Amino acid sequence: MADDNGAWARQGEAFWRAHHEAWKRSDLNQRQYCEAEGIPLKAFGNWRQQFRAEPQPPERKLLYRRRGLSPPLSPRLSPPLSPLLSPGTYPSSPAAGPVVPRPREGHRRRFSEADKRQILDQAAQDGTSAAEVARRYGIDGRVLRRWKQELAPPAFVTVEISDVAPDGERLTP
């Protein structure tokens, strides 16, 4: 802190340690921080060198968990496993919709070809949005389009070329 004469009063280690910690949390470089706080850059740099030379406590490493915690501590991020039903309606049979496996952390879900076809059939119904069906089963719309391309048989149309118009009149070139 500067006194009335403009001379800088010496500060203790706690003062500089607090500024050092605050500087590390800020997005400013050393010069900008010193100008903003009104502290001498040289003194701050000297104290910073001392703090850097001190042995640092080892960083705590996060352990990798292959599976989630036993009891869920927060709501699931994945969509529900069964199609959303309006209140008061129940599926007619246990096999009403395709079996949608629950996604595991870091793993892909595998859908059988029959399940893929059933989901595609639901998306193709009139008045149904493909995006809504995709959301219901927790898949992306792009996946539905890819399944449609993979599972749809190639469509061939028989074309007959003739010199006669549909009304029976002969066409001249």
C-alpha atoms as a PDB file:
ATOM      1  CA  MET A   1       0.000   0.000   0.000  1.00  0.00           C
ATOM      2  CA  ALA A   2       1.266   3.447  -0.840  1.00  0.00           C
ATOM      3  CA  ASP A   3       1.513   5.963   1.968  1.00  0.00           C
ATOM      4  CA  ASP A   4       1.080   9.754   1.647  1.00  0.00           C
ATOM      5  CA  ASN A   5       4.637  10.197   0.319  1.00  0.00           C
ATOM      6  CA  GLY A   6       4.046   7.710  -2.520  1.00  0.00           C
ATOM      7  CA  ALA A   7       6.455   5.142  -1.037  1.00  0.00           C
ATOM      8  CA  TRP A   8       5.353   1.542  -0.992  1.00  0.00           C
ATOM      9  CA  ALA A   9       5.027  -0.015   2.462  1.00  0.00           C
ATOM     10  CA  ARG A  10       6.339  -3.554   2.799  1.00  0.00           C
ATOM     11  CA  GLN A  11       3.667  -6.209   2.983  1.00  0.00           C
ATOM     12  CA  GLY A  12       3.881  -9.653   4.491  1.00  0.00           C
ATOM     13  CA  GLU A  13       3.705 -13.055   2.904  1.00  0.00           C
ATOM     14  CA  ALA A  14      -0.041 -13.449   3.557  1.00  0.00           C
ATOM     15  CA  PHE A  15      -0.772 -10.293   1.517  1.00  0.00           C
ATOM     16  CA  TRP A  16       1.238 -11.524  -1.476  1.00  0.00           C
ATOM     17  CA  ARG A  17      -0.077 -15.106  -1.210  1.00  0.00           C
ATOM     18  CA  ALA A  18      -3.656 -13.809  -1.305  1.00  0.00           C
ATOM     19  CA  HIS A  19      -2.849 -11.710  -4.384  1.00  0.00           C
ATOM     20  CA  HIS A  20      -1.086 -14.664  -6.001  1.00  0.00           C
ATOM     21  CA  GLU A  21      -4.136 -16.905  -5.510  1.00  0.00           C
ATOM     22  CA  ALA A  22      -6.457 -14.175  -6.782  1.00  0.00           C
ATOM     23  CA  TRP A  23      -4.244 -13.669  -9.845  1.00  0.00           C
ATOM     24  CA  LYS A  24      -4.304 -17.413 -10.651  1.00  0.00           C
ATOM     25  CA  ARG A  25      -8.121 -17.357 -10.573  1.00  0.00           C
ATOM     26  CA  SER A  26      -8.313 -14.257 -12.789  1.00  0.00           C
ATOM     27  CA  ASP A  27      -8.066 -14.201 -16.561  1.00  0.00           C
ATOM     28  CA  LEU A  28      -5.505 -11.392 -16.481  1.00  0.00           C
ATOM     29  CA  ASN A  29      -1.811 -11.609 -17.149  1.00  0.00           C
ATOM     30  CA  GLN A  30       0.636 -10.576 -14.417  1.00  0.00           C
ATOM     31  CA  ARG A  31       1.060  -6.981 -15.646  1.00  0.00           C
ATOM     32  CA  GLN A  32      -2.678  -6.389 -16.069  1.00  0.00           C
ATOM     33  CA  TYR A  33      -3.409  -7.771 -12.601  1.00  0.00           C
ATOM     34  CA  CYS A  34      -0.785  -5.573 -10.933  1.00  0.00           C
ATOM     35  CA  GLU A  35      -2.090  -2.463 -12.705  1.00  0.00           C
ATOM     36  CA  ALA A  36      -5.688  -3.292 -11.762  1.00  0.00           C
ATOM     37  CA  GLU A  37      -4.804  -3.888  -8.086  1.00  0.00           C
ATOM     38  CA  GLY A  38      -2.258  -1.056  -7.852  1.00  0.00           C
ATOM     39  CA  ILE A  39       0.596  -3.254  -6.655  1.00  0.00           C
ATOM     40  CA  PRO A  40       4.216  -3.136  -7.904  1.00  0.00           C
ATOM     41  CA  LEU A  41       4.911  -5.597 -10.713  1.00  0.00           C
ATOM     42  CA  LYS A  42       8.493  -6.295  -9.595  1.00  0.00           C
ATOM     43  CA  ALA A  43       7.509  -7.163  -6.012  1.00  0.00           C
ATOM     44  CA  PHE A  44       4.657  -9.358  -7.227  1.00  0.00           C
ATOM     45  CA  GLY A  45       7.022 -11.167  -9.608  1.00  0.00           C
ATOM     46  CA  ASN A  46       9.539 -11.778  -6.818  1.00  0.00           C
ATOM     47  CA  TRP A  47       6.916 -13.238  -4.512  1.00  0.00           C
ATOM     48  CA  ARG A  48       5.538 -15.305  -7.385  1.00  0.00           C
ATOM     49  CA  GLN A  49       9.002 -16.840  -7.891  1.00  0.00           C
ATOM     50  CA  GLN A  50       9.133 -17.782  -4.197  1.00  0.00           C
ATOM     51  CA  PHE A  51       5.688 -19.386  -4.311  1.00  0.00           C
ATOM     52  CA  ARG A  52       6.580 -21.315  -7.479  1.00  0.00           C
ATOM     53  CA  ALA A  53       9.717 -22.732  -5.793  1.00  0.00           C
ATOM     54  CA  GLU A  54       7.667 -24.175  -2.912  1.00  0.00           C
ATOM     55  CA  PRO A  55       6.765 -27.844  -3.167  1.00  0.00           C
ATOM     56  CA  GLN A  56       3.215 -28.128  -4.468  1.00  0.00           C
ATOM     57  CA  PRO A  57       0.769 -30.646  -3.026  1.00  0.00           C
ATOM     58  CA  PRO A  58       0.059 -33.460  -5.481  1.00  0.00           C
ATOM     59  CA  GLU A  59      -3.041 -32.944  -7.587  1.00  0.00           C
ATOM     60  CA  ARG A  60      -5.930 -35.183  -6.742  1.00  0.00           C
ATOM     61  CA  LYS A  61      -6.573 -37.590  -9.554  1.00  0.00           C
ATOM     62  CA  LEU A  62     -10.103 -38.553 -10.451  1.00  0.00           C
ATOM     63  CA  LEU A  63     -10.634 -42.267 -10.484  1.00  0.00           C
ATOM     64  CA  TYR A  64     -12.268 -43.746 -13.557  1.00  0.00           C
ATOM     65  CA  ARG A  65     -15.533 -45.522 -12.853  1.00  0.00           C
ATOM     66  CA  ARG A  66     -16.660 -48.145 -15.298  1.00  0.00           C
ATOM     67  CA  ARG A  67     -20.187 -48.087 -13.897  1.00  0.00           C
ATOM     68  CA  GLY A  68     -22.259 -45.404 -12.277  1.00  0.00           C
ATOM     69  CA  LEU A  69     -22.805 -45.036  -8.565  1.00  0.00           C
ATOM     70  CA  SER A  70     -25.001 -47.680  -6.973  1.00  0.00           C
ATOM     71  CA  PRO A  71     -27.940 -45.466  -6.020  1.00  0.00           C
ATOM     72  CA  PRO A  72     -28.508 -42.758  -8.602  1.00  0.00           C
ATOM     73  CA  LEU A  73     -27.752 -39.393  -7.046  1.00  0.00           C
ATOM     74  CA  SER A  74     -29.304 -37.405  -9.851  1.00  0.00           C
ATOM     75  CA  PRO A  75     -31.955 -37.984 -12.514  1.00  0.00           C
ATOM     76  CA  ARG A  76     -30.966 -39.961 -15.586  1.00  0.00           C
ATOM     77  CA  LEU A  77     -29.905 -38.042 -18.666  1.00  0.00           C
ATOM     78  CA  SER A  78     -31.029 -40.735 -21.074  1.00  0.00           C
ATOM     79  CA  PRO A  79     -34.602 -40.833 -22.357  1.00  0.00           C
ATOM     80  CA  PRO A  80     -37.152 -43.257 -20.945  1.00  0.00           C
ATOM     81  CA  LEU A  81     -36.950 -46.835 -22.129  1.00  0.00           C
ATOM     82  CA  SER A  82     -40.528 -47.205 -23.239  1.00  0.00           C
ATOM     83  CA  PRO A  83     -42.595 -45.020 -25.547  1.00  0.00           C
ATOM     84  CA  LEU A  84     -44.339 -42.154 -23.840  1.00  0.00           C
ATOM     85  CA  LEU A  85     -47.943 -42.955 -23.122  1.00  0.00           C
ATOM     86  CA  SER A  86     -50.735 -40.511 -22.617  1.00  0.00           C
ATOM     87  CA  PRO A  87     -52.302 -40.638 -19.132  1.00  0.00           C
ATOM     88  CA  GLY A  88     -54.715 -43.517 -18.693  1.00  0.00           C
ATOM     89  CA  THR A  89     -53.431 -45.600 -21.620  1.00  0.00           C
ATOM     90  CA  TYR A  90     -51.483 -48.809 -21.305  1.00  0.00           C
ATOM     91  CA  PRO A  91     -49.727 -50.915 -23.894  1.00  0.00           C
ATOM     92  CA  SER A  92     -51.925 -53.707 -25.226  1.00  0.00           C
ATOM     93  CA  SER A  93     -49.241 -56.348 -24.766  1.00  0.00           C
ATOM     94  CA  PRO A  94     -45.750 -56.596 -23.328  1.00  0.00           C
ATOM     95  CA  ALA A  95     -44.353 -56.740 -26.883  1.00  0.00           C
ATOM     96  CA  ALA A  96     -46.156 -53.549 -27.977  1.00  0.00           C
ATOM     97  CA  GLY A  97     -42.942 -51.737 -28.903  1.00  0.00           C
ATOM     98  CA  PRO A  98     -39.406 -52.740 -29.725  1.00  0.00           C
ATOM     99  CA  VAL A  99     -37.099 -53.541 -26.875  1.00  0.00           C
ATOM    100  CA  VAL A 100     -34.843 -50.538 -26.398  1.00  0.00           C
ATOM    101  CA  PRO A 101     -31.710 -51.466 -24.474  1.00  0.00           C
ATOM    102  CA  ARG A 102     -30.550 -48.970 -21.877  1.00  0.00           C
ATOM    103  CA  PRO A 103     -27.411 -47.133 -22.992  1.00  0.00           C
ATOM    104  CA  ARG A 104     -24.365 -47.852 -20.872  1.00  0.00           C
ATOM    105  CA  GLU A 105     -21.669 -45.290 -20.227  1.00  0.00           C
ATOM    106  CA  GLY A 106     -19.252 -45.338 -23.145  1.00  0.00           C
ATOM    107  CA  HIS A 107     -21.093 -48.086 -25.028  1.00  0.00           C
ATOM    108  CA  ARG A 108     -23.344 -48.071 -28.054  1.00  0.00           C
ATOM    109  CA  ARG A 109     -26.759 -49.653 -28.045  1.00  0.00           C
ATOM    110  CA  ARG A 110     -27.423 -52.445 -30.509  1.00  0.00           C
ATOM    111  CA  PHE A 111     -30.845 -52.676 -32.154  1.00  0.00           C
ATOM    112  CA  SER A 112     -31.986 -55.827 -33.891  1.00  0.00           C
ATOM    113  CA  GLU A 113     -33.134 -55.556 -37.499  1.00  0.00           C
ATOM    114  CA  ALA A 114     -36.711 -56.284 -36.422  1.00  0.00           C
ATOM    115  CA  ASP A 115     -36.592 -53.446 -33.872  1.00  0.00           C
ATOM    116  CA  LYS A 116     -35.168 -51.106 -36.503  1.00  0.00           C
ATOM    117  CA  ARG A 117     -37.975 -51.987 -38.905  1.00  0.00           C
ATOM    118  CA  GLN A 118     -40.616 -51.509 -36.218  1.00  0.00           C
ATOM    119  CA  ILE A 119     -39.230 -48.069 -35.293  1.00  0.00           C
ATOM    120  CA  LEU A 120     -39.097 -47.122 -38.998  1.00  0.00           C
ATOM    121  CA  ASP A 121     -42.712 -48.277 -39.449  1.00  0.00           C
ATOM    122  CA  GLN A 122     -43.795 -46.036 -36.574  1.00  0.00           C
ATOM    123  CA  ALA A 123     -41.937 -43.084 -38.108  1.00  0.00           C
ATOM    124  CA  ALA A 124     -43.594 -43.720 -41.500  1.00  0.00           C
ATOM    125  CA  GLN A 125     -47.172 -43.551 -40.160  1.00  0.00           C
ATOM    126  CA  ASP A 126     -49.288 -40.577 -41.197  1.00  0.00           C
ATOM    127  CA  GLY A 127     -49.395 -37.772 -38.647  1.00  0.00           C
ATOM    128  CA  THR A 128     -46.249 -38.960 -36.884  1.00  0.00           C
ATOM    129  CA  SER A 129     -43.044 -36.943 -36.783  1.00  0.00           C
ATOM    130  CA  ALA A 130     -39.852 -38.911 -37.400  1.00  0.00           C
ATOM    131  CA  ALA A 131     -38.053 -36.649 -34.930  1.00  0.00           C
ATOM    132  CA  GLU A 132     -40.670 -37.450 -32.283  1.00  0.00           C
ATOM    133  CA  VAL A 133     -40.234 -41.184 -32.809  1.00  0.00           C
ATOM    134  CA  ALA A 134     -36.445 -40.799 -32.676  1.00  0.00           C
ATOM    135  CA  ARG A 135     -36.688 -38.865 -29.406  1.00  0.00           C
ATOM    136  CA  ARG A 136     -39.041 -41.475 -27.962  1.00  0.00           C
ATOM    137  CA  TYR A 137     -36.423 -44.181 -28.460  1.00  0.00           C
ATOM    138  CA  GLY A 138     -33.416 -42.025 -27.601  1.00  0.00           C
ATOM    139  CA  ILE A 139     -31.807 -42.053 -31.030  1.00  0.00           C
ATOM    140  CA  ASP A 140     -30.826 -39.284 -33.423  1.00  0.00           C
ATOM    141  CA  GLY A 141     -32.861 -38.448 -36.514  1.00  0.00           C
ATOM    142  CA  ARG A 142     -29.803 -39.138 -38.662  1.00  0.00           C
ATOM    143  CA  VAL A 143     -29.803 -42.709 -37.368  1.00  0.00           C
ATOM    144  CA  LEU A 144     -33.397 -43.171 -38.568  1.00  0.00           C
ATOM    145  CA  ARG A 145     -32.474 -41.889 -42.034  1.00  0.00           C
ATOM    146  CA  ARG A 146     -29.465 -44.208 -42.191  1.00  0.00           C
ATOM    147  CA  TRP A 147     -31.575 -47.199 -41.126  1.00  0.00           C
ATOM    148  CA  LYS A 148     -34.115 -46.308 -43.804  1.00  0.00           C
ATOM    149  CA  GLN A 149     -31.384 -46.325 -46.460  1.00  0.00           C
ATOM    150  CA  GLU A 150     -29.844 -49.553 -45.177  1.00  0.00           C
ATOM    151  CA  LEU A 151     -33.063 -51.533 -44.712  1.00  0.00           C
ATOM    152  CA  ALA A 152     -35.137 -50.266 -47.658  1.00  0.00           C
ATOM    153  CA  PRO A 153     -34.900 -52.594 -50.638  1.00  0.00           C
ATOM    154  CA  PRO A 154     -33.867 -50.885 -53.850  1.00  0.00           C
ATOM    155  CA  ALA A 155     -36.961 -49.829 -55.734  1.00  0.00           C
ATOM    156  CA  PHE A 156     -37.026 -50.738 -59.423  1.00  0.00           C
ATOM    157  CA  VAL A 157     -39.740 -49.568 -61.759  1.00  0.00           C
ATOM    158  CA  THR A 158     -40.563 -51.270 -65.033  1.00  0.00           C
ATOM    159  CA  VAL A 159     -40.527 -48.788 -67.858  1.00  0.00           C
ATOM    160  CA  GLU A 160     -41.897 -49.578 -71.306  1.00  0.00           C
ATOM    161  CA  ILE A 161     -41.043 -47.309 -74.204  1.00  0.00           C
ATOM    162  CA  SER A 162     -43.504 -47.230 -77.057  1.00  0.00           C
ATOM    163  CA  ASP A 163     -44.442 -45.069 -80.033  1.00  0.00           C
ATOM    164  CA  VAL A 164     -48.082 -44.882 -78.953  1.00  0.00           C
ATOM    165  CA  ALA A 165     -49.490 -42.167 -76.661  1.00  0.00           C
ATOM    166  CA  PRO A 166     -51.785 -43.137 -73.779  1.00  0.00           C
ATOM    167  CA  ASP A 167     -54.862 -42.077 -75.786  1.00  0.00           C
ATOM    168  CA  GLY A 168     -53.897 -44.434 -78.635  1.00  0.00           C
ATOM    169  CA  GLU A 169     -52.529 -41.785 -81.019  1.00  0.00           C
ATOM    170  CA  ARG A 170     -49.231 -42.524 -82.724  1.00  0.00           C
ATOM    171  CA  LEU A 171     -46.335 -40.228 -81.768  1.00  0.00           C
ATOM    172  CA  THR A 172     -44.102 -38.838 -84.508  1.00  0.00           C
ATOM    173  CA  PRO A 173     -40.574 -37.772 -83.788  1.00  0.00           C
END
